[in-house]
Amino acid sequence: MLNARIKLRHIQAFLEVARQRSFARAAERMSITQPGVSKTIRELEEITDASLFERTPRGVSLTEAGLTLLRHAGPALRALEEGVGALGEEHAGSWLRVGALSTVESRLLPEAILRWQASMEGESGVSVVTGPSAFLLSRLRRGELDLVVGRMTEAREILDLSFEHLFYQRLVLVVRSGHPLADKAHLEPHQLMRFPWVLPPPQTTLRQRVDSFFVRHGLELPTSQLETLSLPIGQHYVQGSDAVWVAPEEAACEAVDAGVLAELALPLEERGGSVGLCINTSLAPSLALETFCETLRGVASGTP
C-alpha cells in the first residue's frame, strides 16, 4: 500500500529533477524556489528511506533507488493524468505521443502516420518528438511518450523497455552529384579525409558507428565537420559543398535515386543496425497504440 505521507507534489518534484538533472532547472520549470524543491525531495527520501539523487560535476544523477522509483513513478503519474483527462472525453478521439529517431523521419514514420490516421474513426492526432535515443527512451520510461521508433538497440537506456525489430538499416556515405569522389568505383578511407564531414553528434548511437569506422581504419576525425541529427540541414549542407554526409539509408535514398546525391563506393557498415519500435510494457497499451504499432509493421514489411 502506498505510504499516505507521499503526496502528488513529491512525485512531480522527483520526476522534474530526474528530467532536468538539476534542482535549479526543476525549480524554474515548476515555478517554485530551489529550496522548496530540495525540501520536497528530502521529504521523499526520508519517507522512502532511500537516497534518490547524487551530485555530479554536471548536476545530479539518479541512484539505483532513484532509477527504480523512476521506472514506476513516471508511468503511474501518466496513468493518473490520462484517467483525469478521460473523464467526460469519451468521444474526443485518439492521440499518440511518438518519439522519432532520424533513421525513420524520412519515410517509415510519416507513411505510418498517414496510413494510421486514414484508418481511424473520429479524430486522431500524433505528437512527434525528435532527438537522440537517450533523450527519447528516457521520456518513454517516464511515461511521457507512448513509443519510440528508430534505430536504438545500441542505447543503454533501452534496458527495461520492450524493443521489436522491424528491419535493418545502414548508415551510408553520400555526397553531392558531381563531387570529386562521386564516380569513383573504388575508394580508400583516407581519400575522404580532405573533405568536410557531416556527422551525428557525440554520445549518440549513430556516432558510435562512425567512431568505430574511423578507429577500424586508423583515421582521426576530420578537422572540418558539421555535427547534426537534422536531415534537412545535413542534406542542404552537402548539396552546397564538397562535404561527406553520414546519413541513414532511408534519408538519402530518394535524393540518390533522383541523382541529387551519390552514395560513395565505400561502406561505412555492412548490414547496419536494427530499426524497430520500443514501448514501455509497464503501461497498458491503448487501442490506438496497438493499431499504430500494427501499421508500422505493415509499412516496414511493405504490406499495402
C-alpha atoms as a PDB file:
ATOM      1  CA  MET A   1       0.000   0.000   0.000  1.00  0.00           C
ATOM      2  CA  LEU A   2       1.241   3.486  -0.846  1.00  0.00           C
ATOM      3  CA  ASN A   3       2.540   5.416   2.148  1.00  0.00           C
ATOM      4  CA  ALA A   4      -0.074   8.076   2.910  1.00  0.00           C
ATOM      5  CA  ARG A   5       2.693  10.599   3.554  1.00  0.00           C
ATOM      6  CA  ILE A   6       3.706  10.555  -0.121  1.00  0.00           C
ATOM      7  CA  LYS A   7       1.865  13.349  -1.921  1.00  0.00           C
ATOM      8  CA  LEU A   8       1.488  14.174  -5.586  1.00  0.00           C
ATOM      9  CA  ARG A   9       3.902  17.101  -5.175  1.00  0.00           C
ATOM     10  CA  HIS A  10       6.628  14.668  -4.093  1.00  0.00           C
ATOM     11  CA  ILE A  11       6.265  12.602  -7.255  1.00  0.00           C
ATOM     12  CA  GLN A  12       6.046  15.680  -9.507  1.00  0.00           C
ATOM     13  CA  ALA A  13       9.193  17.192  -7.987  1.00  0.00           C
ATOM     14  CA  PHE A  14      11.060  13.878  -8.222  1.00  0.00           C
ATOM     15  CA  LEU A  15      10.192  13.442 -11.905  1.00  0.00           C
ATOM     16  CA  GLU A  16      11.112  17.025 -12.784  1.00  0.00           C
ATOM     17  CA  VAL A  17      14.507  16.829 -11.069  1.00  0.00           C
ATOM     18  CA  ALA A  18      15.136  13.478 -12.817  1.00  0.00           C
ATOM     19  CA  ARG A  19      14.138  15.075 -16.139  1.00  0.00           C
ATOM     20  CA  GLN A  20      16.221  18.246 -15.727  1.00  0.00           C
ATOM     21  CA  ARG A  21      19.124  16.669 -13.801  1.00  0.00           C
ATOM     22  CA  SER A  22      19.232  19.887 -11.827  1.00  0.00           C
ATOM     23  CA  PHE A  23      17.384  21.200  -8.770  1.00  0.00           C
ATOM     24  CA  ALA A  24      17.646  24.770 -10.067  1.00  0.00           C
ATOM     25  CA  ARG A  25      16.188  23.970 -13.504  1.00  0.00           C
ATOM     26  CA  ALA A  26      13.478  21.823 -11.941  1.00  0.00           C
ATOM     27  CA  ALA A  27      12.505  24.682  -9.636  1.00  0.00           C
ATOM     28  CA  GLU A  28      12.323  27.065 -12.590  1.00  0.00           C
ATOM     29  CA  ARG A  29      10.124  24.665 -14.577  1.00  0.00           C
ATOM     30  CA  MET A  30       7.800  24.139 -11.614  1.00  0.00           C
ATOM     31  CA  SER A  31       7.706  27.877 -10.760  1.00  0.00           C
ATOM     32  CA  ILE A  32       8.815  27.318  -7.169  1.00  0.00           C
ATOM     33  CA  THR A  33      12.036  28.074  -5.291  1.00  0.00           C
ATOM     34  CA  GLN A  34      15.063  25.796  -5.359  1.00  0.00           C
ATOM     35  CA  PRO A  35      14.967  25.370  -1.556  1.00  0.00           C
ATOM     36  CA  GLY A  36      11.337  24.285  -1.968  1.00  0.00           C
ATOM     37  CA  VAL A  37      12.316  21.578  -4.456  1.00  0.00           C
ATOM     38  CA  SER A  38      15.205  20.454  -2.258  1.00  0.00           C
ATOM     39  CA  LYS A  39      12.903  20.228   0.779  1.00  0.00           C
ATOM     40  CA  THR A  40      10.334  18.197  -1.174  1.00  0.00           C
ATOM     41  CA  ILE A  41      12.963  15.725  -2.389  1.00  0.00           C
ATOM     42  CA  ARG A  42      14.430  15.468   1.103  1.00  0.00           C
ATOM     43  CA  GLU A  43      10.966  14.642   2.467  1.00  0.00           C
ATOM     44  CA  LEU A  44      10.508  11.937  -0.182  1.00  0.00           C
ATOM     45  CA  GLU A  45      13.900  10.417   0.652  1.00  0.00           C
ATOM     46  CA  GLU A  46      13.001  10.359   4.356  1.00  0.00           C
ATOM     47  CA  ILE A  47       9.641   8.718   3.662  1.00  0.00           C
ATOM     48  CA  THR A  48      11.141   6.070   1.373  1.00  0.00           C
ATOM     49  CA  ASP A  49      14.288   5.705   3.493  1.00  0.00           C
ATOM     50  CA  ALA A  50      16.378   5.858   0.317  1.00  0.00           C
ATOM     51  CA  SER A  51      18.793   8.266  -1.316  1.00  0.00           C
ATOM     52  CA  LEU A  52      17.334   9.111  -4.742  1.00  0.00           C
ATOM     53  CA  PHE A  53      19.907  11.525  -6.211  1.00  0.00           C
ATOM     54  CA  GLU A  54      23.646  12.036  -6.053  1.00  0.00           C
ATOM     55  CA  ARG A  55      25.536  15.149  -7.027  1.00  0.00           C
ATOM     56  CA  THR A  56      27.865  15.084 -10.052  1.00  0.00           C
ATOM     57  CA  PRO A  57      30.019  17.751 -11.765  1.00  0.00           C
ATOM     58  CA  ARG A  58      27.160  18.207 -14.268  1.00  0.00           C
ATOM     59  CA  GLY A  59      24.333  18.470 -11.721  1.00  0.00           C
ATOM     60  CA  VAL A  60      22.577  15.474 -10.186  1.00  0.00           C
ATOM     61  CA  SER A  61      22.022  11.898 -11.311  1.00  0.00           C
ATOM     62  CA  LEU A  62      19.725   9.137 -10.121  1.00  0.00           C
ATOM     63  CA  THR A  63      20.949   6.498  -7.705  1.00  0.00           C
ATOM     64  CA  GLU A  64      19.925   2.861  -8.141  1.00  0.00           C
ATOM     65  CA  ALA A  65      16.997   3.518  -5.812  1.00  0.00           C
ATOM     66  CA  GLY A  66      16.096   6.599  -7.841  1.00  0.00           C
ATOM     67  CA  LEU A  67      16.141   4.607 -11.082  1.00  0.00           C
ATOM     68  CA  THR A  68      13.854   2.012  -9.528  1.00  0.00           C
ATOM     69  CA  LEU A  69      11.380   4.671  -8.440  1.00  0.00           C
ATOM     70  CA  LEU A  70      11.579   6.376 -11.840  1.00  0.00           C
ATOM     71  CA  ARG A  71      10.533   3.186 -13.648  1.00  0.00           C
ATOM     72  CA  HIS A  72       7.282   3.187 -11.693  1.00  0.00           C
ATOM     73  CA  ALA A  73       6.568   6.815 -10.823  1.00  0.00           C
ATOM     74  CA  GLY A  74       6.551   8.163 -14.391  1.00  0.00           C
ATOM     75  CA  PRO A  75       4.041   5.629 -15.765  1.00  0.00           C
ATOM     76  CA  ALA A  76       1.903   5.927 -12.622  1.00  0.00           C
ATOM     77  CA  LEU A  77       1.629   9.721 -12.921  1.00  0.00           C
ATOM     78  CA  ARG A  78       0.914   9.439 -16.623  1.00  0.00           C
ATOM     79  CA  ALA A  79      -1.860   6.910 -15.952  1.00  0.00           C
ATOM     80  CA  LEU A  80      -3.387   9.277 -13.391  1.00  0.00           C
ATOM     81  CA  GLU A  81      -3.245  12.201 -15.826  1.00  0.00           C
ATOM     82  CA  GLU A  82      -4.852  10.114 -18.559  1.00  0.00           C
ATOM     83  CA  GLY A  83      -7.581   8.973 -16.208  1.00  0.00           C
ATOM     84  CA  VAL A  84      -8.465  12.530 -15.202  1.00  0.00           C
ATOM     85  CA  GLY A  85      -8.262  13.670 -18.818  1.00  0.00           C
ATOM     86  CA  ALA A  86     -10.548  10.871 -19.956  1.00  0.00           C
ATOM     87  CA  LEU A  87     -13.419  11.998 -17.732  1.00  0.00           C
ATOM     88  CA  GLY A  88     -16.099  13.377 -19.975  1.00  0.00           C
ATOM     89  CA  GLU A  89     -13.953  12.960 -23.085  1.00  0.00           C
ATOM     90  CA  GLU A  90     -15.018   9.546 -24.313  1.00  0.00           C
ATOM     91  CA  HIS A  91     -15.535  10.857 -27.835  1.00  0.00           C
ATOM     92  CA  ALA A  92     -12.543  13.181 -28.022  1.00  0.00           C
ATOM     93  CA  GLY A  93     -10.641  10.906 -30.406  1.00  0.00           C
ATOM     94  CA  SER A  94      -7.235   9.214 -30.223  1.00  0.00           C
ATOM     95  CA  TRP A  95      -3.905  10.869 -29.573  1.00  0.00           C
ATOM     96  CA  LEU A  96      -0.405   9.381 -29.634  1.00  0.00           C
ATOM     97  CA  ARG A  97       2.955  10.719 -28.492  1.00  0.00           C
ATOM     98  CA  VAL A  98       5.743   9.288 -30.620  1.00  0.00           C
ATOM     99  CA  GLY A  99       9.485   9.629 -30.248  1.00  0.00           C
ATOM    100  CA  ALA A 100      11.205   9.611 -33.656  1.00  0.00           C
ATOM    101  CA  LEU A 101      14.876   8.970 -34.355  1.00  0.00           C
ATOM    102  CA  SER A 102      16.397  10.410 -37.528  1.00  0.00           C
ATOM    103  CA  THR A 103      16.591   6.912 -39.058  1.00  0.00           C
ATOM    104  CA  VAL A 104      12.794   6.846 -39.583  1.00  0.00           C
ATOM    105  CA  GLU A 105      11.911  10.508 -40.159  1.00  0.00           C
ATOM    106  CA  SER A 106      12.035  10.385 -43.960  1.00  0.00           C
ATOM    107  CA  ARG A 107       9.708   7.513 -44.877  1.00  0.00           C
ATOM    108  CA  LEU A 108       8.663   4.939 -42.272  1.00  0.00           C
ATOM    109  CA  LEU A 109       7.112   7.230 -39.675  1.00  0.00           C
ATOM    110  CA  PRO A 110       5.383   9.772 -41.974  1.00  0.00           C
ATOM    111  CA  GLU A 111       3.887   6.955 -44.054  1.00  0.00           C
ATOM    112  CA  ALA A 112       2.731   5.077 -40.954  1.00  0.00           C
ATOM    113  CA  ILE A 113       1.072   8.202 -39.517  1.00  0.00           C
ATOM    114  CA  LEU A 114      -0.783   8.881 -42.769  1.00  0.00           C
ATOM    115  CA  ARG A 115      -1.964   5.278 -43.025  1.00  0.00           C
ATOM    116  CA  TRP A 116      -2.968   5.084 -39.353  1.00  0.00           C
ATOM    117  CA  GLN A 117      -4.975   8.319 -39.400  1.00  0.00           C
ATOM    118  CA  ALA A 118      -6.769   7.204 -42.569  1.00  0.00           C
ATOM    119  CA  SER A 119      -7.860   4.009 -40.794  1.00  0.00           C
ATOM    120  CA  MET A 120      -9.123   5.680 -37.609  1.00  0.00           C
ATOM    121  CA  GLU A 121     -12.730   6.600 -36.987  1.00  0.00           C
ATOM    122  CA  GLY A 122     -13.226  10.038 -35.498  1.00  0.00           C
ATOM    123  CA  GLU A 123     -10.465  12.484 -34.635  1.00  0.00           C
ATOM    124  CA  SER A 124      -6.890  11.299 -34.276  1.00  0.00           C
ATOM    125  CA  GLY A 125      -3.633  13.094 -33.692  1.00  0.00           C
ATOM    126  CA  VAL A 126       0.063  12.369 -33.320  1.00  0.00           C
ATOM    127  CA  SER A 127       2.611  14.446 -31.442  1.00  0.00           C
ATOM    128  CA  VAL A 128       6.126  13.672 -32.719  1.00  0.00           C
ATOM    129  CA  VAL A 129       9.173  14.417 -30.578  1.00  0.00           C
ATOM    130  CA  THR A 130      12.625  14.129 -32.175  1.00  0.00           C
ATOM    131  CA  GLY A 131      16.053  13.832 -30.620  1.00  0.00           C
ATOM    132  CA  PRO A 132      18.792  11.362 -29.701  1.00  0.00           C
ATOM    133  CA  SER A 133      17.871   7.906 -28.433  1.00  0.00           C
ATOM    134  CA  ALA A 134      18.943   8.546 -24.825  1.00  0.00           C
ATOM    135  CA  PHE A 135      16.587  11.529 -24.568  1.00  0.00           C
ATOM    136  CA  LEU A 136      13.622   9.772 -26.184  1.00  0.00           C
ATOM    137  CA  LEU A 137      13.993   6.470 -24.335  1.00  0.00           C
ATOM    138  CA  SER A 138      14.243   8.311 -21.010  1.00  0.00           C
ATOM    139  CA  ARG A 139      10.963  10.068 -21.788  1.00  0.00           C
ATOM    140  CA  LEU A 140       9.390   6.745 -22.759  1.00  0.00           C
ATOM    141  CA  ARG A 141      10.467   5.220 -19.460  1.00  0.00           C
ATOM    142  CA  ARG A 142       8.892   8.142 -17.578  1.00  0.00           C
ATOM    143  CA  GLY A 143       5.618   7.647 -19.442  1.00  0.00           C
ATOM    144  CA  GLU A 144       5.909  10.911 -21.391  1.00  0.00           C
ATOM    145  CA  LEU A 145       5.866   9.089 -24.755  1.00  0.00           C
ATOM    146  CA  ASP A 146       3.772   6.161 -25.979  1.00  0.00           C
ATOM    147  CA  LEU A 147       6.534   4.660 -28.110  1.00  0.00           C
ATOM    148  CA  VAL A 148       9.864   5.395 -29.762  1.00  0.00           C
ATOM    149  CA  VAL A 149      10.639   4.407 -33.354  1.00  0.00           C
ATOM    150  CA  GLY A 150      14.059   4.126 -34.970  1.00  0.00           C
ATOM    151  CA  ARG A 151      17.489   2.559 -34.636  1.00  0.00           C
ATOM    152  CA  MET A 152      18.238   2.326 -30.933  1.00  0.00           C
ATOM    153  CA  THR A 153      19.349  -1.152 -29.846  1.00  0.00           C
ATOM    154  CA  GLU A 154      22.865   0.142 -29.057  1.00  0.00           C
ATOM    155  CA  ALA A 155      21.490   2.612 -26.477  1.00  0.00           C
ATOM    156  CA  ARG A 156      21.914   1.580 -22.842  1.00  0.00           C
ATOM    157  CA  GLU A 157      18.677   3.425 -21.970  1.00  0.00           C
ATOM    158  CA  ILE A 158      16.714   0.679 -23.753  1.00  0.00           C
ATOM    159  CA  LEU A 159      17.096  -1.589 -20.717  1.00  0.00           C
ATOM    160  CA  ASP A 160      13.742  -2.483 -19.083  1.00  0.00           C
ATOM    161  CA  LEU A 161      11.879  -1.369 -22.231  1.00  0.00           C
ATOM    162  CA  SER A 162      10.444  -3.656 -24.906  1.00  0.00           C
ATOM    163  CA  PHE A 163      12.020  -3.421 -28.374  1.00  0.00           C
ATOM    164  CA  GLU A 164      10.586  -5.050 -31.504  1.00  0.00           C
ATOM    165  CA  HIS A 165      12.806  -5.388 -34.572  1.00  0.00           C
ATOM    166  CA  LEU A 166      11.333  -4.273 -37.910  1.00  0.00           C
ATOM    167  CA  PHE A 167      14.271  -4.211 -40.341  1.00  0.00           C
ATOM    168  CA  TYR A 168      17.968  -3.451 -40.670  1.00  0.00           C
ATOM    169  CA  GLN A 169      19.158  -0.099 -41.989  1.00  0.00           C
ATOM    170  CA  ARG A 170      22.687   1.010 -42.886  1.00  0.00           C
ATOM    171  CA  LEU A 171      24.426   4.297 -42.423  1.00  0.00           C
ATOM    172  CA  VAL A 172      25.780   5.366 -45.810  1.00  0.00           C
ATOM    173  CA  LEU A 173      28.335   7.908 -47.022  1.00  0.00           C
ATOM    174  CA  VAL A 174      26.802  10.321 -49.522  1.00  0.00           C
ATOM    175  CA  VAL A 175      27.998  13.403 -51.410  1.00  0.00           C
ATOM    176  CA  ARG A 176      26.506  15.829 -53.900  1.00  0.00           C
ATOM    177  CA  SER A 177      26.199  14.878 -57.541  1.00  0.00           C
ATOM    178  CA  GLY A 178      29.389  15.946 -59.318  1.00  0.00           C
ATOM    179  CA  HIS A 179      31.538  15.574 -56.205  1.00  0.00           C
ATOM    180  CA  PRO A 180      35.177  14.594 -56.994  1.00  0.00           C
ATOM    181  CA  LEU A 181      34.604  11.189 -55.365  1.00  0.00           C
ATOM    182  CA  ALA A 182      31.080  10.532 -56.658  1.00  0.00           C
ATOM    183  CA  ASP A 183      32.042   8.400 -59.655  1.00  0.00           C
ATOM    184  CA  LYS A 184      34.979   6.541 -58.125  1.00  0.00           C
ATOM    185  CA  ALA A 185      34.435   2.777 -58.371  1.00  0.00           C
ATOM    186  CA  HIS A 186      36.935   2.109 -55.599  1.00  0.00           C
ATOM    187  CA  LEU A 187      37.805   4.290 -52.636  1.00  0.00           C
ATOM    188  CA  GLU A 188      40.219   4.089 -49.746  1.00  0.00           C
ATOM    189  CA  PRO A 189      39.075   5.642 -46.457  1.00  0.00           C
ATOM    190  CA  HIS A 190      41.990   8.108 -46.341  1.00  0.00           C
ATOM    191  CA  GLN A 191      40.772   9.691 -49.608  1.00  0.00           C
ATOM    192  CA  LEU A 192      37.733  11.085 -47.757  1.00  0.00           C
ATOM    193  CA  MET A 193      39.802  12.921 -45.174  1.00  0.00           C
ATOM    194  CA  ARG A 194      40.477  16.019 -47.285  1.00  0.00           C
ATOM    195  CA  PHE A 195      36.760  16.874 -47.324  1.00  0.00           C
ATOM    196  CA  PRO A 196      34.455  18.215 -44.591  1.00  0.00           C
ATOM    197  CA  TRP A 197      32.120  15.700 -42.934  1.00  0.00           C
ATOM    198  CA  VAL A 198      28.537  15.893 -41.658  1.00  0.00           C
ATOM    199  CA  LEU A 199      28.370  13.652 -38.578  1.00  0.00           C
ATOM    200  CA  PRO A 200      25.860  12.615 -35.896  1.00  0.00           C
ATOM    201  CA  PRO A 201      26.631  14.401 -32.595  1.00  0.00           C
ATOM    202  CA  PRO A 202      28.871  12.751 -29.973  1.00  0.00           C
ATOM    203  CA  GLN A 203      27.299  10.326 -27.494  1.00  0.00           C
ATOM    204  CA  THR A 204      24.596   9.234 -29.930  1.00  0.00           C
ATOM    205  CA  THR A 205      24.229   5.622 -31.072  1.00  0.00           C
ATOM    206  CA  LEU A 206      24.842   6.620 -34.704  1.00  0.00           C
ATOM    207  CA  ARG A 207      28.049   8.428 -33.783  1.00  0.00           C
ATOM    208  CA  GLN A 208      29.315   5.258 -32.129  1.00  0.00           C
ATOM    209  CA  ARG A 209      29.177   3.526 -35.515  1.00  0.00           C
ATOM    210  CA  VAL A 210      31.050   6.418 -37.158  1.00  0.00           C
ATOM    211  CA  ASP A 211      33.731   6.415 -34.465  1.00  0.00           C
ATOM    212  CA  SER A 212      34.155   2.655 -34.972  1.00  0.00           C
ATOM    213  CA  PHE A 213      34.705   3.268 -38.696  1.00  0.00           C
ATOM    214  CA  PHE A 214      37.492   5.760 -38.007  1.00  0.00           C
ATOM    215  CA  VAL A 215      39.149   3.524 -35.404  1.00  0.00           C
ATOM    216  CA  ARG A 216      38.907   0.485 -37.690  1.00  0.00           C
ATOM    217  CA  HIS A 217      40.765   2.319 -40.467  1.00  0.00           C
ATOM    218  CA  GLY A 218      43.246   4.094 -38.198  1.00  0.00           C
ATOM    219  CA  LEU A 219      41.914   7.564 -39.026  1.00  0.00           C
ATOM    220  CA  GLU A 220      41.335  10.688 -36.963  1.00  0.00           C
ATOM    221  CA  LEU A 221      38.122  12.666 -37.140  1.00  0.00           C
ATOM    222  CA  PRO A 222      38.227  15.383 -39.822  1.00  0.00           C
ATOM    223  CA  THR A 223      39.084  18.861 -38.617  1.00  0.00           C
ATOM    224  CA  SER A 224      36.236  20.385 -40.641  1.00  0.00           C
ATOM    225  CA  GLN A 225      32.884  18.967 -39.636  1.00  0.00           C
ATOM    226  CA  LEU A 226      29.233  19.708 -39.000  1.00  0.00           C
ATOM    227  CA  GLU A 227      27.516  17.769 -36.214  1.00  0.00           C
ATOM    228  CA  THR A 228      23.751  17.412 -36.533  1.00  0.00           C
ATOM    229  CA  LEU A 229      20.884  14.925 -36.468  1.00  0.00           C
ATOM    230  CA  SER A 230      18.793  17.225 -38.656  1.00  0.00           C
ATOM    231  CA  LEU A 231      18.219  15.594 -42.025  1.00  0.00           C
ATOM    232  CA  PRO A 232      17.276  18.822 -43.888  1.00  0.00           C
ATOM    233  CA  ILE A 233      20.348  20.640 -42.565  1.00  0.00           C
ATOM    234  CA  GLY A 234      22.607  17.720 -43.445  1.00  0.00           C
ATOM    235  CA  GLN A 235      21.252  17.337 -46.960  1.00  0.00           C
ATOM    236  CA  HIS A 236      21.297  21.036 -47.845  1.00  0.00           C
ATOM    237  CA  TYR A 237      24.804  21.461 -46.455  1.00  0.00           C
ATOM    238  CA  VAL A 238      26.080  18.544 -48.544  1.00  0.00           C
ATOM    239  CA  GLN A 239      24.311  19.694 -51.708  1.00  0.00           C
ATOM    240  CA  GLY A 240      26.043  23.060 -51.453  1.00  0.00           C
ATOM    241  CA  SER A 241      29.529  21.825 -50.578  1.00  0.00           C
ATOM    242  CA  ASP A 242      32.057  19.019 -51.017  1.00  0.00           C
ATOM    243  CA  ALA A 243      31.180  17.531 -47.634  1.00  0.00           C
ATOM    244  CA  VAL A 244      30.706  13.817 -46.968  1.00  0.00           C
ATOM    245  CA  TRP A 245      27.433  13.083 -45.148  1.00  0.00           C
ATOM    246  CA  VAL A 246      26.954  10.127 -42.821  1.00  0.00           C
ATOM    247  CA  ALA A 247      23.233   9.571 -43.410  1.00  0.00           C
ATOM    248  CA  PRO A 248      20.608   6.921 -42.638  1.00  0.00           C
ATOM    249  CA  GLU A 249      19.979   4.958 -45.823  1.00  0.00           C
ATOM    250  CA  GLU A 250      16.270   5.843 -45.723  1.00  0.00           C
ATOM    251  CA  ALA A 251      17.068   9.562 -45.567  1.00  0.00           C
ATOM    252  CA  ALA A 252      19.383   9.535 -48.562  1.00  0.00           C
ATOM    253  CA  CYS A 253      17.762   7.033 -50.945  1.00  0.00           C
ATOM    254  CA  GLU A 254      15.246   9.394 -52.575  1.00  0.00           C
ATOM    255  CA  ALA A 255      17.875  12.046 -53.328  1.00  0.00           C
ATOM    256  CA  VAL A 256      20.287   9.362 -54.570  1.00  0.00           C
ATOM    257  CA  ASP A 257      17.615   7.891 -56.875  1.00  0.00           C
ATOM    258  CA  ALA A 258      16.892  11.393 -58.194  1.00  0.00           C
ATOM    259  CA  GLY A 259      20.576  11.987 -58.967  1.00  0.00           C
ATOM    260  CA  VAL A 260      20.845  14.858 -56.489  1.00  0.00           C
ATOM    261  CA  LEU A 261      23.168  12.905 -54.185  1.00  0.00           C
ATOM    262  CA  ALA A 262      25.506   9.980 -54.801  1.00  0.00           C
ATOM    263  CA  GLU A 263      26.385   7.136 -52.443  1.00  0.00           C
ATOM    264  CA  LEU A 264      30.122   6.579 -52.213  1.00  0.00           C
ATOM    265  CA  ALA A 265      31.615   3.199 -53.082  1.00  0.00           C
ATOM    266  CA  LEU A 266      32.841   2.703 -49.530  1.00  0.00           C
ATOM    267  CA  PRO A 267      30.591   1.011 -46.970  1.00  0.00           C
ATOM    268  CA  LEU A 268      30.575   2.532 -43.514  1.00  0.00           C
ATOM    269  CA  GLU A 269      28.911  -0.624 -42.202  1.00  0.00           C
ATOM    270  CA  GLU A 270      27.745  -3.814 -43.926  1.00  0.00           C
ATOM    271  CA  ARG A 271      24.378  -4.861 -42.509  1.00  0.00           C
ATOM    272  CA  GLY A 272      23.510  -1.821 -40.461  1.00  0.00           C
ATOM    273  CA  GLY A 273      21.571  -1.542 -37.228  1.00  0.00           C
ATOM    274  CA  SER A 274      18.182  -2.790 -36.127  1.00  0.00           C
ATOM    275  CA  VAL A 275      15.327  -0.347 -36.695  1.00  0.00           C
ATOM    276  CA  GLY A 276      12.214  -1.018 -34.675  1.00  0.00           C
ATOM    277  CA  LEU A 277       9.656   0.201 -32.185  1.00  0.00           C
ATOM    278  CA  CYS A 278      10.067   0.432 -28.433  1.00  0.00           C
ATOM    279  CA  ILE A 279       7.301   0.579 -25.835  1.00  0.00           C
ATOM    280  CA  ASN A 280       7.056   0.718 -22.060  1.00  0.00           C
ATOM    281  CA  THR A 281       5.438  -2.569 -21.006  1.00  0.00           C
ATOM    282  CA  SER A 282       4.747  -1.259 -17.501  1.00  0.00           C
ATOM    283  CA  LEU A 283       1.886   0.677 -19.106  1.00  0.00           C
ATOM    284  CA  ALA A 284      -1.197  -0.954 -20.578  1.00  0.00           C
ATOM    285  CA  PRO A 285      -1.217  -0.069 -24.304  1.00  0.00           C
ATOM    286  CA  SER A 286      -4.229   1.789 -25.656  1.00  0.00           C
ATOM    287  CA  LEU A 287      -6.123   0.502 -28.671  1.00  0.00           C
ATOM    288  CA  ALA A 288      -4.740   3.456 -30.632  1.00  0.00           C
ATOM    289  CA  LEU A 289      -1.171   2.453 -29.767  1.00  0.00           C
ATOM    290  CA  GLU A 290      -1.774  -1.177 -30.705  1.00  0.00           C
ATOM    291  CA  THR A 291      -3.232  -0.241 -34.092  1.00  0.00           C
ATOM    292  CA  PHE A 292      -0.407   2.228 -34.749  1.00  0.00           C
ATOM    293  CA  CYS A 293       2.216  -0.441 -33.986  1.00  0.00           C
ATOM    294  CA  GLU A 294       0.452  -2.777 -36.403  1.00  0.00           C
ATOM    295  CA  THR A 295       0.518  -0.027 -39.026  1.00  0.00           C
ATOM    296  CA  LEU A 296       4.258   0.429 -38.502  1.00  0.00           C
ATOM    297  CA  ARG A 297       4.764  -3.297 -39.036  1.00  0.00           C
ATOM    298  CA  GLY A 298       2.801  -3.137 -42.268  1.00  0.00           C
ATOM    299  CA  VAL A 299       4.733  -0.178 -43.650  1.00  0.00           C
ATOM    300  CA  ALA A 300       8.068  -1.741 -42.634  1.00  0.00           C
ATOM    301  CA  SER A 301       7.231  -5.019 -44.367  1.00  0.00           C
ATOM    302  CA  GLY A 302       5.859  -3.332 -47.499  1.00  0.00           C
ATOM    303  CA  THR A 303       2.323  -4.550 -46.859  1.00  0.00           C
ATOM    304  CA  PRO A 304      -0.248  -2.238 -48.544  1.00  0.00           C
END
